[in-house]
Amino acid sequence: MTVVDLFRAAAGLPEAWSSRVLGEVGTACVKVLRMDEMPVEEEAHGAAEALLVLDGRMELTVDGAEVSVGAGEMAVVPAGARHAVRAGSAGTLVIVEVREG
């Protein structure tokens, strides 16, 4: 069993939006990162991903719809959905996703 301090792991990253894989569950990996108010370009993935905001707020655009995800909330982005993080997103984020490639 592994216990991870998510806030310490995020704080130890070299820069914002630089994620670190903390572990794997089945075919999915669990990553943590820090958001820093800067936007992230639109992307899409072949599998759904879960975005869990630990603290702060994440502003998303998913297939053209604006979504705001607060601390303690999770957004599940469907497979193939075009999504981008808008400016103003800040805090600690956990991502659960299937590795591509």
Protein backbone atom coordinates (compact mmCIF):
# COMPACT_ATOMS: atom_id res chain seq x y z
CA MET A 1 0.00 0.00 0.00
CA THR A 2 1.18 3.50 -0.83
CA VAL A 3 0.10 6.70 0.91
CA VAL A 4 0.76 9.94 -0.99
CA ASP A 5 0.45 13.50 0.30
CA LEU A 6 -1.14 15.05 -2.79
CA PHE A 7 -0.42 18.65 -1.81
CA ARG A 8 3.25 17.90 -1.09
CA ALA A 9 3.57 16.00 -4.39
CA ALA A 10 2.07 18.94 -6.30
CA ALA A 11 4.23 21.47 -4.45
CA GLY A 12 7.36 19.48 -5.36
CA LEU A 13 6.75 19.69 -9.11
CA PRO A 14 9.24 21.82 -11.09
CA GLU A 15 6.54 24.01 -12.67
CA ALA A 16 2.81 24.47 -13.04
CA TRP A 17 0.99 22.14 -15.45
CA SER A 18 3.86 19.66 -15.11
CA SER A 19 2.16 16.48 -13.92
CA ARG A 20 3.57 13.55 -11.98
CA VAL A 21 2.19 10.02 -12.10
CA LEU A 22 1.49 8.92 -8.53
CA GLY A 23 0.27 5.41 -9.24
CA GLU A 24 -1.72 3.13 -11.49
CA VAL A 25 -5.12 1.52 -11.01
CA GLY A 26 -5.87 -1.09 -13.66
CA THR A 27 -5.14 0.58 -16.98
CA ALA A 28 -5.49 4.10 -15.57
CA CYS A 29 -2.84 6.32 -14.07
CA VAL A 30 -3.37 8.88 -11.32
CA LYS A 31 -1.52 12.17 -11.73
CA VAL A 32 -1.25 15.39 -9.73
CA LEU A 33 -0.38 18.90 -10.88
CA ARG A 34 -0.57 22.56 -9.96
CA MET A 35 -2.66 25.00 -11.96
CA ASP A 36 -1.29 28.56 -12.18
CA GLU A 37 -4.01 30.77 -13.70
CA MET A 38 -2.61 30.28 -17.23
CA PRO A 39 -4.75 28.62 -19.92
CA VAL A 40 -4.01 25.23 -21.48
CA GLU A 41 -4.63 24.59 -25.18
CA GLU A 42 -7.53 22.50 -26.37
CA GLU A 43 -7.00 18.74 -26.59
CA ALA A 44 -8.96 15.49 -26.82
CA HIS A 45 -8.21 11.94 -25.67
CA GLY A 46 -9.28 8.50 -26.85
CA ALA A 47 -10.59 7.62 -23.37
CA ALA A 48 -12.56 9.53 -20.75
CA GLU A 49 -10.62 11.27 -17.99
CA ALA A 50 -11.58 12.37 -14.48
CA LEU A 51 -10.42 15.80 -13.25
CA LEU A 52 -10.65 16.22 -9.46
CA VAL A 53 -10.00 19.70 -8.05
CA LEU A 54 -8.52 19.41 -4.56
CA ASP A 55 -8.29 23.13 -3.92
CA GLY A 56 -8.87 26.23 -5.99
CA ARG A 57 -10.99 26.27 -9.15
CA MET A 58 -10.64 24.97 -12.69
CA GLU A 59 -12.37 26.75 -15.57
CA LEU A 60 -12.95 24.38 -18.49
CA THR A 61 -14.43 24.58 -21.93
CA VAL A 62 -15.71 21.14 -23.02
CA ASP A 63 -17.05 20.82 -26.56
CA GLY A 64 -17.81 24.56 -26.52
CA ALA A 65 -19.60 24.60 -23.12
CA GLU A 66 -18.04 26.49 -20.22
CA VAL A 67 -17.78 24.51 -16.98
CA SER A 68 -16.47 25.67 -13.60
CA VAL A 69 -15.17 22.99 -11.21
CA GLY A 70 -14.53 23.97 -7.59
CA ALA A 71 -12.62 22.47 -4.69
CA GLY A 72 -13.91 19.01 -3.84
CA GLU A 73 -15.62 18.64 -7.21
CA MET A 74 -14.82 16.36 -10.14
CA ALA A 75 -15.45 16.68 -13.85
CA VAL A 76 -15.48 13.64 -16.12
CA VAL A 77 -14.53 14.55 -19.68
CA PRO A 78 -15.93 12.01 -22.16
CA ALA A 79 -13.68 10.22 -24.63
CA GLY A 80 -13.12 12.34 -27.72
CA ALA A 81 -14.47 15.56 -26.18
CA ARG A 82 -12.46 18.68 -27.13
CA HIS A 83 -11.53 20.45 -23.90
CA ALA A 84 -9.32 23.31 -22.75
CA VAL A 85 -8.51 24.95 -19.43
CA ARG A 86 -9.35 28.65 -19.41
CA ALA A 87 -7.27 31.40 -17.80
CA GLY A 88 -7.94 31.88 -14.09
CA SER A 89 -7.69 28.19 -13.16
CA ALA A 90 -5.55 27.79 -10.06
CA GLY A 91 -5.02 25.18 -7.35
CA THR A 92 -4.24 21.48 -7.12
CA LEU A 93 -5.64 19.01 -9.63
CA VAL A 94 -5.71 15.20 -9.71
CA ILE A 95 -6.20 13.55 -13.10
CA VAL A 96 -7.22 9.92 -13.61
CA GLU A 97 -6.68 8.81 -17.19
CA VAL A 98 -5.79 5.87 -19.36
CA ARG A 99 -2.32 6.27 -20.83
CA GLU A 100 -2.33 6.76 -24.57
CA GLY A 101 0.14 5.15 -26.92
